[in-house]
Amino acid sequence: MTSKTSGGILLYRFRFGELEVFLVHPGGPYWERKDDGAWSIPKGEIEEGEDPLEVAKREFLEETGSRIEGQFRSLTPLKQPSGKVVQAWAVEGEIDASTLRSNTFAIEWPPRSGVQQKFPEVDKGEWFPIQTAQKKLLSGQVPFLDELHRLLSMVKGAHSDTDPKRLGGENGAPAQGTQS
């Protein structure tokens, strides 16, 4: 049996000279009181024969209510602790987290009650500085942040704020420098 694969989008921006990423918090009662280590990139399962990047874009739309366009940079797929593989693409862009609209799912809640309730697949989205995102993100997805940092450090001239020290400082210290 093959493992499940999901496609996702790691949206990033530069704000006041600091790299930030957009993460989503899963909806539903299980995740309601979880914060650190509970956030994710918007993502969803890739079915056989589907184009992985198109799935990632579709899932971003379904989980946020916003379309995403831009120059997509493929990141190294990551095997999650569950065995699922997540393929992700980094793209620079903007989204207003306050306008997030997610699709819903239904589960029996409370358990064994016989009552089906609907919950949003994503209950909120937020922009985080890279150092904060490393704490918020599911552990199996944290390497995407490291790869994004390396990728942006190697891209010369793509953005005025791609100096590695401004992306996260040395040894994880907050970035120093002038605001843009």
Protein backbone atom coordinates (compact mmCIF):
# COMPACT_ATOMS: atom_id res chain seq x y z
CA MET A 1 0.00 0.00 0.00
CA THR A 2 1.33 3.45 -0.89
CA SER A 3 1.46 6.21 1.68
CA LYS A 4 -0.84 9.19 1.35
CA THR A 5 0.58 12.37 -0.11
CA SER A 6 -0.62 15.92 0.47
CA GLY A 7 0.15 19.08 -1.45
CA GLY A 8 0.54 22.39 0.35
CA ILE A 9 1.53 26.02 0.04
CA LEU A 10 4.06 27.81 2.23
CA LEU A 11 3.09 31.45 1.69
CA TYR A 12 5.69 33.99 2.76
CA ARG A 13 6.22 37.73 2.79
CA PHE A 14 8.65 40.34 4.05
CA ARG A 15 7.20 42.80 6.56
CA PHE A 16 9.34 45.54 8.05
CA GLY A 17 12.41 43.67 6.81
CA GLU A 18 11.44 40.40 8.50
CA LEU A 19 10.48 37.12 6.85
CA GLU A 20 6.97 35.94 7.84
CA VAL A 21 5.01 32.83 6.87
CA PHE A 22 1.27 32.24 6.77
CA LEU A 23 0.04 29.23 8.76
CA VAL A 24 -3.42 27.83 9.46
CA HIS A 25 -4.83 26.33 12.64
CA PRO A 26 -6.95 23.19 12.22
CA GLY A 27 -10.59 23.44 13.18
CA GLY A 28 -12.65 21.05 15.23
CA PRO A 29 -12.82 20.07 18.86
CA TYR A 30 -9.56 18.08 18.97
CA TRP A 31 -7.44 21.11 18.05
CA GLU A 32 -9.49 23.75 19.89
CA ARG A 33 -7.09 24.24 22.81
CA LYS A 34 -3.85 23.35 21.04
CA ASP A 35 -1.49 26.05 19.82
CA ASP A 36 2.29 25.45 19.78
CA GLY A 37 3.03 22.54 17.48
CA ALA A 38 -0.53 22.49 16.08
CA TRP A 39 -0.41 24.90 13.12
CA SER A 40 0.12 23.78 9.52
CA ILE A 41 0.67 25.04 6.02
CA PRO A 42 -2.60 24.94 4.02
CA LYS A 43 -2.59 21.49 2.41
CA GLY A 44 -4.71 18.58 1.29
CA GLU A 45 -4.56 15.07 -0.07
CA ILE A 46 -3.44 14.40 -3.63
CA GLU A 47 -5.52 11.74 -5.40
CA GLU A 48 -4.01 9.48 -8.06
CA GLY A 49 -3.61 11.28 -11.38
CA GLU A 50 -3.90 14.79 -9.92
CA ASP A 51 -1.26 17.45 -10.49
CA PRO A 52 0.33 18.05 -7.05
CA LEU A 53 0.79 21.82 -7.47
CA GLU A 54 -2.80 22.25 -8.67
CA VAL A 55 -3.98 20.30 -5.62
CA ALA A 56 -1.91 22.55 -3.36
CA LYS A 57 -3.48 25.66 -4.94
CA ARG A 58 -6.98 24.18 -4.66
CA GLU A 59 -6.47 23.26 -1.01
CA PHE A 60 -5.16 26.75 -0.27
CA LEU A 61 -8.39 28.15 -1.76
CA GLU A 62 -10.58 25.66 0.15
CA GLU A 63 -8.87 26.33 3.48
CA THR A 64 -8.52 30.11 3.21
CA GLY A 65 -11.10 31.30 0.70
CA SER A 66 -8.31 33.01 -1.31
CA ARG A 67 -6.67 32.11 -4.60
CA ILE A 68 -2.89 32.02 -4.71
CA GLU A 69 -0.69 32.93 -7.69
CA GLY A 70 2.97 33.70 -8.11
CA GLN A 71 6.31 32.02 -8.67
CA PHE A 72 6.01 28.64 -6.93
CA ARG A 73 9.26 27.11 -5.69
CA SER A 74 9.16 23.39 -5.03
CA LEU A 75 10.38 22.32 -1.59
CA THR A 76 11.74 18.90 -0.66
CA PRO A 77 8.83 16.54 0.21
CA LEU A 78 8.72 15.63 3.89
CA LYS A 79 7.59 12.36 5.42
CA GLN A 80 5.43 13.12 8.46
CA PRO A 81 5.41 11.12 11.71
CA SER A 82 2.07 9.63 10.53
CA GLY A 83 3.77 8.28 7.40
CA LYS A 84 2.03 10.78 5.10
CA VAL A 85 4.29 12.68 2.69
CA VAL A 86 3.76 16.43 2.26
CA GLN A 87 4.86 18.08 -0.98
CA ALA A 88 4.99 21.85 -0.63
CA TRP A 89 5.65 24.92 -2.72
CA ALA A 90 6.86 28.25 -1.37
CA VAL A 91 5.42 31.39 -2.91
CA GLU A 92 5.70 35.04 -1.95
CA GLY A 93 2.35 36.75 -1.56
CA GLU A 94 -0.21 38.39 0.66
CA ILE A 95 -3.41 37.32 2.36
CA ASP A 96 -5.54 39.12 4.92
CA ALA A 97 -5.89 36.56 7.71
CA SER A 98 -9.07 38.27 8.95
CA THR A 99 -10.89 37.32 5.74
CA LEU A 100 -10.19 33.57 6.04
CA ARG A 101 -13.12 31.37 4.95
CA SER A 102 -12.67 27.61 5.21
CA ASN A 103 -14.64 24.63 4.02
CA THR A 104 -16.21 22.42 6.71
CA PHE A 105 -16.25 18.79 7.77
CA ALA A 106 -18.73 16.80 9.85
CA ILE A 107 -17.95 14.42 12.71
CA GLU A 108 -19.89 12.80 15.49
CA TRP A 109 -19.49 15.15 18.44
CA PRO A 110 -19.42 14.53 21.30
CA PRO A 111 -18.11 11.01 20.64
CA ARG A 112 -20.74 8.25 20.76
CA SER A 113 -23.52 10.87 20.98
CA GLY A 114 -25.01 10.07 17.59
CA VAL A 115 -24.96 13.80 16.82
CA GLN A 116 -23.15 15.01 13.71
CA GLN A 117 -21.67 18.50 13.96
CA LYS A 118 -19.95 20.62 11.33
CA PHE A 119 -16.64 22.33 12.01
CA PRO A 120 -14.39 24.47 9.83
CA GLU A 121 -11.41 22.57 8.44
CA VAL A 122 -9.34 25.62 9.42
CA ASP A 123 -10.52 27.88 12.23
CA LYS A 124 -7.93 30.66 11.79
CA GLY A 125 -4.89 31.73 9.85
CA GLU A 126 -2.09 34.00 10.91
CA TRP A 127 1.21 35.49 9.78
CA PHE A 128 4.17 34.55 11.98
CA PRO A 129 7.79 35.68 12.03
CA ILE A 130 9.94 32.70 11.09
CA GLN A 131 11.22 32.11 14.66
CA THR A 132 7.66 32.01 16.06
CA ALA A 133 6.49 29.82 13.18
CA GLN A 134 9.09 27.21 14.16
CA LYS A 135 7.27 26.83 17.51
CA LYS A 136 3.72 26.97 16.09
CA LEU A 137 4.17 24.60 13.16
CA LEU A 138 3.65 20.83 13.35
CA SER A 139 7.09 19.31 13.96
CA GLY A 140 7.05 17.32 10.72
CA GLN A 141 6.66 20.52 8.69
CA VAL A 142 9.34 22.65 10.41
CA PRO A 143 12.03 21.61 7.89
CA PHE A 144 10.04 23.52 5.23
CA LEU A 145 10.91 26.72 7.11
CA ASP A 146 14.60 25.86 7.16
CA GLU A 147 14.55 25.10 3.44
CA LEU A 148 12.69 28.34 2.69
CA HIS A 149 15.34 30.29 4.60
CA ARG A 150 18.14 28.57 2.65
CA LEU A 151 16.33 29.05 -0.66
CA LEU A 152 15.79 32.76 -0.09
CA SER A 153 19.37 33.17 1.07
CA MET A 154 20.58 31.72 -2.24
CA VAL A 155 18.29 33.80 -4.46
CA LYS A 156 20.37 36.85 -5.25
CA GLY A 157 18.49 40.01 -6.11
CA ALA A 158 15.03 38.45 -5.85
CA HIS A 159 14.10 40.71 -2.93
CA SER A 160 15.89 43.53 -1.19
CA ASP A 161 15.48 41.82 2.19
CA THR A 162 17.01 38.43 1.39
CA ASP A 163 20.17 39.04 3.42
CA PRO A 164 20.39 35.89 5.60
CA LYS A 165 20.95 37.93 8.76
CA ARG A 166 17.70 39.80 8.13
CA LEU A 167 15.80 36.56 7.48
CA GLY A 168 16.31 35.26 10.97
CA GLY A 169 19.52 36.58 12.39
CA GLU A 170 22.50 34.54 13.35
CA ASN A 171 21.88 31.46 15.50
CA GLY A 172 18.12 32.09 15.43
CA ALA A 173 18.42 35.54 17.03
CA PRO A 174 15.88 38.13 15.91
CA ALA A 175 16.85 39.94 12.75
CA GLN A 176 18.47 43.33 13.19
CA GLY A 177 18.51 46.20 10.74
CA THR A 178 16.45 49.02 9.38
CA GLN A 179 12.78 48.68 8.65
CA SER A 180 11.59 48.87 5.09
